């Protein structure tokens, strides 16, 4: 909350702090600067963030003044302009793609930059590409000599990656892959930057070589000319049309008609196709999903929770300066925030945003540990990382969507005006419940991990499978919490009491989930039927587990 409330004075914008805001800020119950430093990860980071934000907010190119009066096409063009302007600033000031400065700039500009999938392409390249491929393609991306996107979702399939229909058939005679969309439902649908911008796409497709299907792999496919930006032969692409939000992004579709690409364009860190068509697997079956995990972790930290944070800031500041009715007949009108009902609406959302912030830091640390091991082809932490990132993405996106909408409603009629900023935050965060994995499907993936872990925890004492239980579910081996251990009111001030209680609830639901599944199997149902008949209880267990992570 560094910046003051901005007050409109006709056509001019002046930075003035409302007297009620000044009054509130003079009487905090904590050291504001210290808390700011904690959130930023240290005083040096706070100073750096403020410096970056000063650069962004003082630049007229990044002005928000006309945002809500632009057409979709104008928002897109403004987003592209801002993106390349930021790129030039980053080059001038020495901000690298992965620097804190660039991250702070991105967060300050969330909702205004086009070409977001260009960076998803780059993250995927670094996760799935060989060192040679990274050396070739990363400089082209960083210097914007190409504009890239990430094309996974199809018209007929989204979260179910095994069902993707786009094919990549290897031709050993020419040492090329033939990229093809065999059906209408194989059309790539929704990828950002695909409609008008991208020159290249990282296409996820089913690999076919030596007459056998080898599963989903990633391929770099040129789709537009680098000379005149026209579509290349065999490529059909365009914009998918209006949507709830993301006006600055040209979400598009892509159909491929036997488009040939070199053998070297298959990302090959974890799998290779030799010139003669021999397929070599260098990782696990799940290793090609690594790019999705990378994206989910990034979204949690830099996209989803920051939207709730901003909604809380707007709603709470509004509630400080908005006065409505009287607490006593003789008093002046009270600040809306002085009403207990308003506090009950907003303060839990603020607490949630803080919790998600620190949870994200913890997830980032585990991700970095796991990612480093995976790049060295140690995949032991990948199932746990996948489960955590899936469950937390689902939980955080749901809580943030509900919280942002509650903040909007807490601002009354003004919250319905786009000029408040809240409707855009709500519509933007709503999309997070669907992109990078629909939440129900992600929860059920967590449930599979939990049932497997529970059965592992029930192994006989001394079993190696029991001792190798992932750390995040180690509580499955703890003794049952027969009753609440609190003996006096003060005991409820200790956080560990609540974590133990949540663990107890999680164990009970996971146990019931596994029991129901086993009962169905023992009654003669096959594995798939038994799973489908017990998904509701699996879903409940996964939600509780994700909440206690």
Protein backbone atom coordinates (compact mmCIF):
# COMPACT_ATOMS: atom_id res chain seq x y z
CA UNK A 1 0.00 0.00 0.00
CA UNK A 2 2.80 2.43 -0.81
CA UNK A 3 0.92 4.73 -3.19
CA UNK A 4 -1.61 7.27 -1.91
CA UNK A 5 -5.25 7.42 -2.95
CA UNK A 6 -5.49 9.22 -6.28
CA UNK A 7 -8.23 11.84 -6.54
CA UNK A 8 -9.64 13.02 -9.87
CA UNK A 9 -9.75 16.78 -10.36
CA UNK A 10 -11.56 17.21 -13.67
CA UNK A 11 -9.27 16.16 -16.52
CA UNK A 12 -6.12 16.39 -14.39
CA UNK A 13 -4.86 13.75 -11.99
CA UNK A 14 -3.40 14.95 -8.69
CA UNK A 15 -1.85 12.83 -5.99
CA UNK A 16 -3.69 13.75 -2.80
CA UNK A 17 -4.20 11.69 0.31
CA UNK A 18 -7.74 11.79 1.67
CA UNK A 19 -7.87 13.05 5.31
CA UNK A 20 -9.56 9.83 6.48
CA UNK A 21 -6.77 7.81 4.87
CA UNK A 22 -4.15 9.96 6.60
CA UNK A 23 -5.94 9.45 9.90
CA UNK A 24 -5.91 5.65 9.55
CA UNK A 25 -2.26 5.58 8.52
CA UNK A 26 -1.19 7.58 11.56
CA UNK A 27 -2.36 4.89 13.98
CA UNK A 28 -1.23 1.42 12.81
CA UNK A 29 -0.80 -1.33 15.40
CA UNK A 30 2.38 -2.59 13.68
CA UNK A 31 5.52 -1.32 11.97
CA UNK A 32 4.32 -0.77 8.38
CA UNK A 33 7.79 -0.56 6.85
CA UNK A 34 8.93 -3.73 8.59
CA UNK A 35 5.92 -5.67 7.30
CA UNK A 36 6.54 -4.28 3.81
CA UNK A 37 10.13 -5.50 3.98
CA UNK A 38 8.98 -8.95 5.08
CA UNK A 39 6.54 -9.18 2.18
CA UNK A 40 9.23 -8.11 -0.28
CA UNK A 41 11.84 -10.45 1.17
CA UNK A 42 14.04 -7.73 2.67
CA UNK A 43 14.59 -3.97 2.74
CA UNK A 44 16.80 -4.11 -0.36
CA UNK A 45 14.00 -5.72 -2.34
CA UNK A 46 11.53 -3.12 -1.11
CA UNK A 47 13.81 -0.33 -2.32
CA UNK A 48 14.27 -2.10 -5.66
CA UNK A 49 10.51 -2.65 -6.11
CA UNK A 50 9.75 0.98 -5.39
CA UNK A 51 12.40 2.07 -7.86
CA UNK A 52 10.92 -0.16 -10.60
CA UNK A 53 7.38 0.99 -9.85
CA UNK A 54 8.55 4.61 -10.02
CA UNK A 55 9.92 3.97 -13.50
CA UNK A 56 6.65 2.36 -14.60
CA UNK A 57 4.23 4.85 -13.05
CA UNK A 58 6.12 7.92 -14.28
CA UNK A 59 6.14 6.73 -17.91
CA UNK A 60 3.18 8.10 -19.95
CA UNK A 61 3.22 5.05 -22.23
CA UNK A 62 1.98 2.97 -19.28
CA UNK A 63 -0.85 5.35 -18.39
CA UNK A 64 -4.16 3.70 -17.44
CA UNK A 65 -6.22 6.81 -18.09
CA UNK A 66 -8.09 5.65 -21.21
CA UNK A 67 -8.07 1.89 -20.58
CA UNK A 68 -11.78 1.48 -19.94
CA UNK A 69 -12.80 3.52 -22.96
CA UNK A 70 -10.85 1.52 -25.54
CA UNK A 71 -12.22 -1.02 -27.98
CA UNK A 72 -10.85 -4.57 -27.93
CA UNK A 73 -8.59 -3.80 -30.87
CA UNK A 74 -7.30 -0.63 -29.21
CA UNK A 75 -6.57 -2.54 -25.99
CA UNK A 76 -4.63 -5.14 -27.97
CA UNK A 77 -2.58 -2.53 -29.83
CA UNK A 78 -1.91 -0.62 -26.60
CA UNK A 79 -0.86 -3.91 -24.93
CA UNK A 80 1.62 -4.66 -27.71
CA UNK A 81 3.00 -1.11 -27.54
CA UNK A 82 3.46 -1.35 -23.77
CA UNK A 83 5.10 -4.75 -24.09
CA UNK A 84 7.77 -3.56 -26.48
CA UNK A 85 8.22 -0.32 -24.58
CA UNK A 86 8.89 -2.37 -21.43
CA UNK A 87 11.34 -4.49 -23.41
CA UNK A 88 13.26 -1.37 -24.44
CA UNK A 89 13.29 -0.06 -20.87
CA UNK A 90 14.54 -3.44 -19.62
CA UNK A 91 17.35 -3.42 -22.16
CA UNK A 92 18.34 0.14 -21.26
CA UNK A 93 18.33 -0.51 -17.51
CA UNK A 94 19.79 -4.01 -17.67
CA UNK A 95 16.74 -5.93 -16.45
CA UNK A 96 16.98 -9.55 -17.51
CA UNK A 97 13.97 -11.76 -18.22
CA UNK A 98 14.32 -13.55 -14.88
CA UNK A 99 15.36 -10.59 -12.74
CA UNK A 100 13.43 -9.20 -9.79
CA UNK A 101 13.14 -5.92 -11.66
CA UNK A 102 11.31 -7.55 -14.56
CA UNK A 103 9.02 -9.41 -12.15
CA UNK A 104 8.17 -6.20 -10.29
CA UNK A 105 7.49 -4.43 -13.57
CA UNK A 106 5.21 -7.25 -14.74
CA UNK A 107 3.20 -7.17 -11.51
CA UNK A 108 2.86 -3.38 -11.72
CA UNK A 109 1.51 -3.75 -15.27
CA UNK A 110 -0.68 -6.84 -14.85
CA UNK A 111 -3.68 -6.51 -17.13
CA UNK A 112 -2.01 -4.26 -19.67
CA UNK A 113 0.70 -6.27 -21.42
CA UNK A 114 0.21 -8.33 -24.57
CA UNK A 115 2.39 -11.28 -25.62
CA UNK A 116 2.23 -13.07 -22.27
CA UNK A 117 2.45 -16.49 -23.93
CA UNK A 118 5.78 -15.47 -25.45
CA UNK A 119 7.25 -15.93 -21.98
CA UNK A 120 5.39 -19.20 -21.40
CA UNK A 121 7.05 -20.46 -24.59
CA UNK A 122 10.41 -19.45 -23.15
CA UNK A 123 9.74 -21.13 -19.79
CA UNK A 124 8.67 -24.31 -21.59
CA UNK A 125 11.74 -24.21 -23.82
CA UNK A 126 13.99 -23.98 -20.78
CA UNK A 127 12.14 -26.86 -19.08
CA UNK A 128 11.83 -29.29 -21.99
CA UNK A 129 14.52 -28.22 -24.47
CA UNK A 130 18.07 -29.50 -24.77
CA UNK A 131 20.96 -27.14 -24.13
CA UNK A 132 21.48 -26.82 -27.87
CA UNK A 133 17.82 -25.93 -28.44
CA UNK A 134 17.87 -23.36 -25.65
CA UNK A 135 21.03 -21.81 -27.11
CA UNK A 136 19.35 -21.51 -30.50
CA UNK A 137 15.83 -20.34 -29.59
CA UNK A 138 16.17 -18.41 -26.32
CA UNK A 139 18.15 -15.50 -27.83
CA UNK A 140 15.57 -15.20 -30.62
CA UNK A 141 12.83 -14.95 -27.98
CA UNK A 142 14.71 -12.58 -25.69
CA UNK A 143 15.48 -10.22 -28.55
CA UNK A 144 11.95 -10.56 -30.02
CA UNK A 145 13.32 -11.66 -33.37
CA UNK A 146 10.48 -14.16 -33.15
CA UNK A 147 7.16 -13.90 -31.29
CA UNK A 148 6.18 -17.22 -29.79
CA UNK A 149 3.18 -18.81 -28.13
CA UNK A 150 2.32 -22.03 -26.33
CA UNK A 151 -0.37 -24.09 -28.12
CA UNK A 152 -1.74 -26.88 -25.94
CA UNK A 153 -5.53 -26.58 -25.56
CA UNK A 154 -7.67 -27.84 -28.43
CA UNK A 155 -11.28 -27.28 -29.38
CA UNK A 156 -12.10 -30.81 -28.23
CA UNK A 157 -9.69 -31.28 -25.32
CA UNK A 158 -8.19 -29.09 -22.62
CA UNK A 159 -7.00 -30.46 -19.28
CA UNK A 160 -7.03 -34.08 -20.55
CA UNK A 161 -3.68 -33.97 -22.30
CA UNK A 162 -3.67 -37.63 -23.32
CA UNK A 163 -6.71 -36.85 -25.46
CA UNK A 164 -5.00 -34.18 -27.57
CA UNK A 165 -5.51 -35.04 -31.22
CA UNK A 166 -2.85 -33.00 -33.03
CA UNK A 167 -0.32 -35.42 -34.53
CA UNK A 168 3.41 -35.22 -35.16
CA UNK A 169 4.36 -38.10 -37.46
CA UNK A 170 8.05 -38.68 -38.08
CA UNK A 171 9.23 -39.16 -41.68
CA UNK A 172 12.60 -40.92 -41.53
CA UNK A 173 13.23 -40.37 -45.24
CA UNK A 174 13.34 -36.58 -44.85
CA UNK A 175 14.10 -36.46 -41.10
CA UNK A 176 11.06 -34.25 -40.55
CA UNK A 177 7.94 -34.26 -38.43
CA UNK A 178 4.64 -33.87 -40.23
CA UNK A 179 2.37 -31.74 -38.02
CA UNK A 180 -1.31 -32.31 -38.69
CA UNK A 181 -4.74 -31.51 -37.25
CA UNK A 182 -6.71 -34.62 -38.29
CA UNK A 183 -10.13 -33.43 -37.09
CA UNK A 184 -12.00 -30.20 -36.39
CA UNK A 185 -11.72 -30.85 -32.65
CA UNK A 186 -7.93 -31.07 -33.03
CA UNK A 187 -7.88 -27.32 -33.74
CA UNK A 188 -5.71 -25.51 -31.18
CA UNK A 189 -8.11 -23.15 -29.44
CA UNK A 190 -7.50 -20.36 -26.90
CA UNK A 191 -3.71 -19.87 -26.90
CA UNK A 192 -2.88 -16.23 -26.32
CA UNK A 193 -0.86 -14.35 -28.99
CA UNK A 194 -1.90 -16.94 -31.57
CA UNK A 195 -4.64 -14.92 -33.29
CA UNK A 196 -2.49 -12.15 -34.75
CA UNK A 197 0.94 -11.94 -33.15
CA UNK A 198 2.90 -15.18 -33.02
CA UNK A 199 5.43 -16.24 -35.63
CA UNK A 200 6.16 -19.56 -33.87
CA UNK A 201 4.14 -21.89 -31.65
CA UNK A 202 5.23 -24.57 -29.22
CA UNK A 203 2.66 -27.18 -30.27
CA UNK A 204 1.86 -30.08 -27.98
CA UNK A 205 1.07 -33.09 -30.13
CA UNK A 206 0.94 -36.88 -30.11
CA UNK A 207 4.26 -38.22 -31.38
CA UNK A 208 4.06 -41.05 -33.93
CA UNK A 209 7.31 -42.71 -35.00
CA UNK A 210 8.14 -46.16 -36.30
CA UNK A 211 4.40 -46.78 -36.49
CA UNK A 212 3.88 -46.39 -32.71
CA UNK A 213 2.32 -43.62 -30.65
CA UNK A 214 4.72 -42.32 -28.01
CA UNK A 215 2.45 -39.86 -26.22
CA UNK A 216 2.44 -36.09 -25.97
CA UNK A 217 5.57 -34.11 -26.88
CA UNK A 218 6.38 -30.48 -27.65
CA UNK A 219 7.33 -29.19 -31.12
CA UNK A 220 8.41 -25.75 -32.31
CA UNK A 221 6.32 -24.91 -35.38
CA UNK A 222 6.83 -21.77 -37.51
CA UNK A 223 3.36 -20.41 -38.38
CA UNK A 224 3.95 -16.92 -39.87
CA UNK A 225 6.56 -15.50 -42.22
CA UNK A 226 9.37 -13.50 -40.66
CA UNK A 227 9.40 -11.34 -43.80
CA UNK A 228 5.78 -10.19 -44.12
CA UNK A 229 3.97 -11.97 -41.20
CA UNK A 230 1.64 -13.88 -43.53
CA UNK A 231 0.56 -17.39 -42.57
CA UNK A 232 2.89 -20.10 -43.85
CA UNK A 233 1.67 -22.87 -46.20
CA UNK A 234 -0.53 -25.43 -44.46
CA UNK A 235 -1.28 -23.09 -41.54
CA UNK A 236 -4.73 -21.72 -40.79
CA UNK A 237 -4.94 -19.37 -37.80
CA UNK A 238 -6.94 -16.43 -36.50
CA UNK A 239 -8.60 -14.76 -33.52
CA UNK A 240 -11.34 -16.66 -31.65
CA UNK A 241 -13.41 -13.53 -30.98
CA UNK A 242 -14.86 -11.74 -27.92
CA UNK A 243 -14.43 -13.14 -24.41
CA UNK A 244 -15.05 -12.02 -20.81
CA UNK A 245 -11.66 -10.34 -20.39
CA UNK A 246 -8.08 -10.30 -21.68
CA UNK A 247 -8.91 -7.75 -24.40
CA UNK A 248 -5.20 -7.03 -24.78
CA UNK A 249 -4.52 -10.65 -25.78
CA UNK A 250 -5.27 -12.09 -29.22
CA UNK A 251 -6.45 -15.54 -28.15
CA UNK A 252 -6.52 -17.61 -31.31
CA UNK A 253 -6.99 -20.90 -33.13
CA UNK A 254 -4.57 -22.97 -35.19
CA UNK A 255 -5.05 -25.76 -37.72
CA UNK A 256 -2.11 -27.56 -39.32
CA UNK A 257 -2.38 -29.36 -42.66
CA UNK A 258 0.65 -31.64 -43.00
CA UNK A 259 3.13 -28.93 -42.04
CA UNK A 260 6.71 -30.20 -42.07
CA UNK A 261 9.31 -29.16 -39.49
CA UNK A 262 12.91 -30.35 -38.92
CA UNK A 263 13.59 -33.25 -36.56
CA UNK A 264 15.53 -30.82 -34.35
CA UNK A 265 12.32 -28.91 -33.57
CA UNK A 266 11.06 -31.54 -31.12
CA UNK A 267 12.12 -30.44 -27.63
CA UNK A 268 14.48 -33.16 -26.54
CA UNK A 269 15.62 -32.79 -22.95
CA UNK A 270 13.61 -35.85 -21.87
CA UNK A 271 12.97 -37.68 -25.18
CA UNK A 272 14.61 -37.94 -28.60
CA UNK A 273 13.85 -39.33 -32.03
CA UNK A 274 16.99 -40.50 -33.83
CA UNK A 275 17.38 -39.95 -37.59
CA UNK A 276 16.23 -43.53 -38.32
CA UNK A 277 13.05 -43.04 -36.25
CA UNK A 278 14.21 -44.79 -33.08
CA UNK A 279 12.51 -43.30 -30.04
CA UNK A 280 14.60 -42.77 -26.89
CA UNK A 281 13.00 -41.84 -23.59
CA UNK A 282 15.32 -39.95 -21.24
CA UNK A 283 12.77 -39.15 -18.52
CA UNK A 284 9.54 -40.45 -17.04
CA UNK A 285 6.14 -40.45 -18.68
CA UNK A 286 5.32 -37.35 -16.59
CA UNK A 287 8.42 -35.35 -17.52
CA UNK A 288 6.74 -33.73 -20.52
CA UNK A 289 4.21 -32.23 -18.11
CA UNK A 290 6.98 -30.25 -16.42
CA UNK A 291 6.25 -27.12 -18.42
CA UNK A 292 2.69 -27.09 -17.05
CA UNK A 293 4.00 -27.25 -13.48
CA UNK A 294 6.40 -24.38 -14.21
CA UNK A 295 3.54 -22.25 -15.53
CA UNK A 296 1.22 -23.05 -12.59
CA UNK A 297 3.81 -22.04 -10.00
CA UNK A 298 4.52 -18.82 -11.89
CA UNK A 299 0.81 -17.99 -12.14
CA UNK A 300 0.25 -18.49 -8.42
CA UNK A 301 3.05 -16.08 -7.54
CA UNK A 302 2.73 -13.40 -10.20
CA UNK A 303 -0.83 -13.49 -11.51
CA UNK A 304 -3.58 -15.04 -9.39
CA UNK A 305 -2.93 -13.94 -5.80
CA UNK A 306 -1.82 -10.41 -6.82
CA UNK A 307 -5.34 -9.91 -8.25
CA UNK A 308 -6.88 -10.62 -4.84
CA UNK A 309 -4.30 -8.36 -3.21
CA UNK A 310 -5.28 -5.50 -5.49
CA UNK A 311 -9.00 -6.10 -4.91
CA UNK A 312 -8.43 -5.96 -1.14
CA UNK A 313 -6.46 -2.72 -1.42
CA UNK A 314 -9.18 -1.04 -3.49
CA UNK A 315 -12.06 -2.23 -1.29
CA UNK A 316 -10.41 -1.44 2.04
CA UNK A 317 -9.24 2.01 0.94
CA UNK A 318 -12.70 2.73 -0.39
CA UNK A 319 -14.20 1.61 2.92
CA UNK A 320 -11.93 4.06 4.77
CA UNK A 321 -12.98 7.15 2.81
CA UNK A 322 -16.61 6.22 2.10
CA UNK A 323 -19.01 7.36 4.83
CA UNK A 324 -22.50 5.97 5.17
CA UNK A 325 -25.15 6.39 7.91
CA UNK A 326 -24.41 6.89 11.61
CA UNK A 327 -23.37 4.58 14.41
CA UNK A 328 -25.08 6.96 16.87
CA UNK A 329 -27.76 9.56 16.07
CA UNK A 330 -25.56 12.46 17.20
CA UNK A 331 -22.39 11.30 15.40
CA UNK A 332 -21.21 12.28 11.92
CA UNK A 333 -21.60 9.62 9.23
CA UNK A 334 -19.34 6.68 9.93
CA UNK A 335 -16.63 5.22 7.74
CA UNK A 336 -17.95 2.09 6.10
CA UNK A 337 -14.94 0.22 7.47
CA UNK A 338 -16.09 0.99 11.02
CA UNK A 339 -19.06 -1.33 10.54
CA UNK A 340 -18.41 -4.84 11.79
CA UNK A 341 -20.16 -6.38 8.80
CA UNK A 342 -17.75 -4.63 6.41
CA UNK A 343 -14.78 -5.82 8.43
CA UNK A 344 -16.22 -9.33 8.38
CA UNK A 345 -16.39 -9.17 4.57
CA UNK A 346 -12.97 -7.70 3.88
CA UNK A 347 -10.51 -8.66 6.60
CA UNK A 348 -10.70 -12.42 5.92
CA UNK A 349 -9.90 -11.69 2.26
CA UNK A 350 -6.90 -9.63 3.30
CA UNK A 351 -5.73 -12.39 5.66
CA UNK A 352 -6.16 -14.91 2.83
CA UNK A 353 -4.03 -12.78 0.49
CA UNK A 354 -1.25 -12.68 3.11
CA UNK A 355 -1.48 -16.44 3.65
CA UNK A 356 -1.29 -17.12 -0.09
CA UNK A 357 1.70 -14.78 -0.40
CA UNK A 358 3.76 -16.75 2.12
CA UNK A 359 2.44 -20.09 0.85
CA UNK A 360 3.62 -19.05 -2.61
CA UNK A 361 7.10 -18.35 -1.25
CA UNK A 362 7.20 -21.82 0.30
CA UNK A 363 5.98 -23.43 -2.93
CA UNK A 364 8.59 -21.53 -4.92
CA UNK A 365 11.36 -22.88 -2.66
CA UNK A 366 10.12 -26.46 -3.09
CA UNK A 367 9.75 -25.91 -6.82
CA UNK A 368 13.34 -24.70 -7.17
CA UNK A 369 14.60 -27.73 -5.24
CA UNK A 370 12.53 -30.11 -7.38
CA UNK A 371 13.25 -28.35 -10.67
CA UNK A 372 16.99 -28.54 -10.10
CA UNK A 373 16.74 -32.27 -9.42
CA UNK A 374 14.50 -32.86 -12.46
CA UNK A 375 16.94 -31.13 -14.80
CA UNK A 376 19.52 -33.62 -13.50
CA UNK A 377 17.02 -36.39 -14.36
CA UNK A 378 16.08 -37.12 -10.75
CA UNK A 379 12.28 -37.33 -10.97
CA UNK A 380 11.58 -38.50 -7.42
CA UNK A 381 10.00 -35.18 -6.36
CA UNK A 382 7.96 -34.66 -9.54
CA UNK A 383 4.75 -36.47 -8.39
CA UNK A 384 4.65 -34.42 -5.18
CA UNK A 385 5.42 -31.18 -7.03
CA UNK A 386 2.69 -31.93 -9.55
CA UNK A 387 0.16 -32.67 -6.79
CA UNK A 388 1.03 -29.57 -4.77
CA UNK A 389 1.01 -27.21 -7.74
CA UNK A 390 -2.27 -28.70 -9.02
CA UNK A 391 -4.07 -28.54 -5.69
CA UNK A 392 -2.80 -25.10 -4.77
CA UNK A 393 -3.60 -23.67 -8.20
CA UNK A 394 -7.16 -24.95 -7.86
CA UNK A 395 -7.61 -23.76 -4.29
CA UNK A 396 -5.94 -20.36 -4.71
CA UNK A 397 -7.84 -19.55 -7.91
CA UNK A 398 -11.18 -20.43 -6.29
CA UNK A 399 -10.50 -18.44 -3.11
CA UNK A 400 -9.17 -15.46 -5.05
CA UNK A 401 -12.14 -15.45 -7.42
CA UNK A 402 -14.61 -15.58 -4.55
CA UNK A 403 -12.63 -13.01 -2.57
CA UNK A 404 -12.30 -10.51 -5.41
CA UNK A 405 -16.03 -10.69 -6.10
CA UNK A 406 -16.77 -10.16 -2.41
CA UNK A 407 -14.49 -7.08 -2.44
CA UNK A 408 -16.39 -5.76 -5.47
CA UNK A 409 -19.75 -6.18 -3.75
CA UNK A 410 -18.41 -4.54 -0.60
CA UNK A 411 -17.98 -1.33 -2.58
CA UNK A 412 -21.66 -1.05 -3.44
CA UNK A 413 -22.60 0.63 -6.70
CA UNK A 414 -19.11 2.02 -7.19
CA UNK A 415 -17.79 -1.55 -7.30
CA UNK A 416 -19.92 -2.18 -10.38
CA UNK A 417 -18.22 0.66 -12.26
CA UNK A 418 -15.26 -0.40 -14.36
CA UNK A 419 -13.49 2.77 -13.24
CA UNK A 420 -13.16 1.23 -9.76
CA UNK A 421 -10.85 -1.39 -11.26
CA UNK A 422 -12.76 -4.18 -9.51
CA UNK A 423 -14.86 -5.63 -12.38
CA UNK A 424 -11.70 -6.12 -14.44
CA UNK A 425 -9.94 -7.83 -11.53
CA UNK A 426 -12.92 -10.13 -11.00
CA UNK A 427 -13.31 -11.12 -14.64
CA UNK A 428 -9.56 -11.63 -14.98
CA UNK A 429 -9.16 -13.82 -11.89
CA UNK A 430 -12.27 -15.84 -12.84
CA UNK A 431 -10.37 -17.18 -15.84
CA UNK A 432 -7.77 -18.67 -13.50
CA UNK A 433 -10.29 -21.32 -12.42
CA UNK A 434 -10.10 -22.73 -15.95
CA UNK A 435 -6.76 -22.01 -17.60
CA UNK A 436 -3.78 -24.28 -16.95
CA UNK A 437 -6.13 -27.00 -15.74
CA UNK A 438 -9.82 -26.88 -14.84
CA UNK A 439 -10.03 -26.94 -11.07
CA UNK A 440 -12.19 -30.04 -10.57
CA UNK A 441 -9.86 -32.06 -12.78
CA UNK A 442 -6.83 -30.76 -10.89
CA UNK A 443 -8.37 -31.66 -7.54
CA UNK A 444 -9.00 -35.19 -8.79
CA UNK A 445 -5.36 -35.47 -9.85
CA UNK A 446 -4.45 -34.52 -6.28
CA UNK A 447 -6.89 -37.15 -5.04
CA UNK A 448 -5.08 -39.89 -6.98
CA UNK A 449 -1.83 -38.80 -5.35
CA UNK A 450 -3.50 -38.84 -1.91
CA UNK A 451 -5.07 -42.28 -2.28
CA UNK A 452 -1.76 -43.70 -3.48
CA UNK A 453 0.07 -42.04 -0.58
CA UNK A 454 -2.48 -43.30 1.95
CA UNK A 455 -2.16 -46.88 0.76
CA UNK A 456 1.61 -46.44 0.91
CA UNK A 457 1.31 -45.16 4.48
CA UNK A 458 -0.60 -48.30 5.46
CA UNK A 459 2.35 -50.48 4.44
CA UNK A 460 3.81 -52.72 7.12
CA UNK A 461 6.29 -51.17 9.61
CA UNK A 462 9.75 -50.87 8.18
CA UNK A 463 8.52 -51.02 4.60
CA UNK A 464 10.62 -48.93 2.20
CA UNK A 465 7.47 -47.61 0.55
CA UNK A 466 6.33 -46.23 3.90
CA UNK A 467 9.61 -44.53 4.72
CA UNK A 468 9.71 -42.86 1.28
CA UNK A 469 6.35 -41.13 1.77
CA UNK A 470 6.44 -37.57 0.35
CA UNK A 471 7.01 -34.91 3.00
CA UNK A 472 3.74 -33.07 2.28
CA UNK A 473 1.72 -36.15 3.26
CA UNK A 474 3.94 -37.47 6.04
CA UNK A 475 1.10 -36.77 8.49
CA UNK A 476 -0.66 -39.83 7.08
CA UNK A 477 1.59 -41.95 9.30
CA UNK A 478 0.97 -39.89 12.46
CA UNK A 479 -1.20 -41.31 15.28
CA UNK A 480 -4.88 -40.38 15.10
CA UNK A 481 -5.85 -37.22 16.94
CA UNK A 482 -8.56 -38.76 19.13
CA UNK A 483 -9.74 -35.44 20.54
CA UNK A 484 -8.81 -31.78 20.59
CA UNK A 485 -5.67 -31.38 22.76
CA UNK A 486 -6.57 -27.84 23.88
CA UNK A 487 -7.12 -27.52 27.64
CA UNK A 488 -7.62 -23.78 27.99
CA UNK A 489 -8.55 -20.82 25.79
CA UNK A 490 -4.93 -19.71 25.38
CA UNK A 491 -4.12 -23.01 23.63
CA UNK A 492 -6.08 -21.80 20.64
CA UNK A 493 -3.50 -19.06 20.07
CA UNK A 494 -0.97 -21.65 18.89
CA UNK A 495 -0.98 -22.23 15.08
CA UNK A 496 0.22 -25.82 15.44
CA UNK A 497 -3.12 -26.69 17.04
CA UNK A 498 -4.90 -25.73 13.83
CA UNK A 499 -2.44 -27.50 11.55
CA UNK A 500 -2.89 -30.68 13.58
CA UNK A 501 -6.66 -30.29 13.37
CA UNK A 502 -6.55 -29.79 9.59
CA UNK A 503 -4.25 -32.81 9.27
CA UNK A 504 -6.74 -34.85 11.29
CA UNK A 505 -9.63 -33.83 9.02
CA UNK A 506 -7.51 -34.55 5.92
CA UNK A 507 -6.55 -38.01 7.15
CA UNK A 508 -10.18 -38.86 7.93
CA UNK A 509 -11.39 -37.80 4.48
CA UNK A 510 -8.49 -39.42 2.63
CA UNK A 511 -9.10 -42.64 4.60
CA UNK A 512 -12.81 -42.55 3.69
CA UNK A 513 -11.92 -41.80 0.08
CA UNK A 514 -9.59 -44.79 -0.16
CA UNK A 515 -12.08 -47.01 1.69
CA UNK A 516 -14.93 -46.16 -0.69
CA UNK A 517 -12.68 -46.86 -3.67
CA UNK A 518 -11.54 -50.21 -2.27
CA UNK A 519 -15.15 -51.18 -1.48
CA UNK A 520 -16.17 -50.54 -5.09
CA UNK A 521 -13.24 -52.56 -6.38
CA UNK A 522 -14.02 -55.46 -4.07
CA UNK A 523 -17.65 -55.44 -5.24
CA UNK A 524 -16.45 -56.24 -8.76
CA UNK A 525 -16.26 -52.80 -10.38
CA UNK A 526 -13.27 -52.27 -12.63
CA UNK A 527 -10.73 -49.61 -11.66
CA UNK A 528 -12.08 -46.86 -13.92
CA UNK A 529 -15.71 -47.43 -12.96
CA UNK A 530 -14.84 -47.56 -9.26
CA UNK A 531 -12.93 -44.29 -9.51
CA UNK A 532 -15.76 -42.50 -11.31
CA UNK A 533 -18.31 -43.70 -8.73
CA UNK A 534 -16.27 -42.24 -5.86
CA UNK A 535 -15.06 -38.94 -7.32
CA UNK A 536 -17.27 -36.73 -5.11
CA UNK A 537 -15.62 -37.95 -1.90
CA UNK A 538 -12.20 -37.85 -3.61
CA UNK A 539 -12.90 -34.21 -4.45
CA UNK A 540 -13.71 -33.38 -0.81
CA UNK A 541 -10.49 -35.01 0.38
CA UNK A 542 -8.39 -33.17 -2.20
CA UNK A 543 -9.89 -29.79 -1.27
CA UNK A 544 -9.15 -30.31 2.42
CA UNK A 545 -5.62 -31.47 1.63
CA UNK A 546 -4.99 -28.44 -0.59
CA UNK A 547 -6.23 -26.15 2.19
CA UNK A 548 -3.81 -27.61 4.75
CA UNK A 549 -0.75 -27.51 2.42
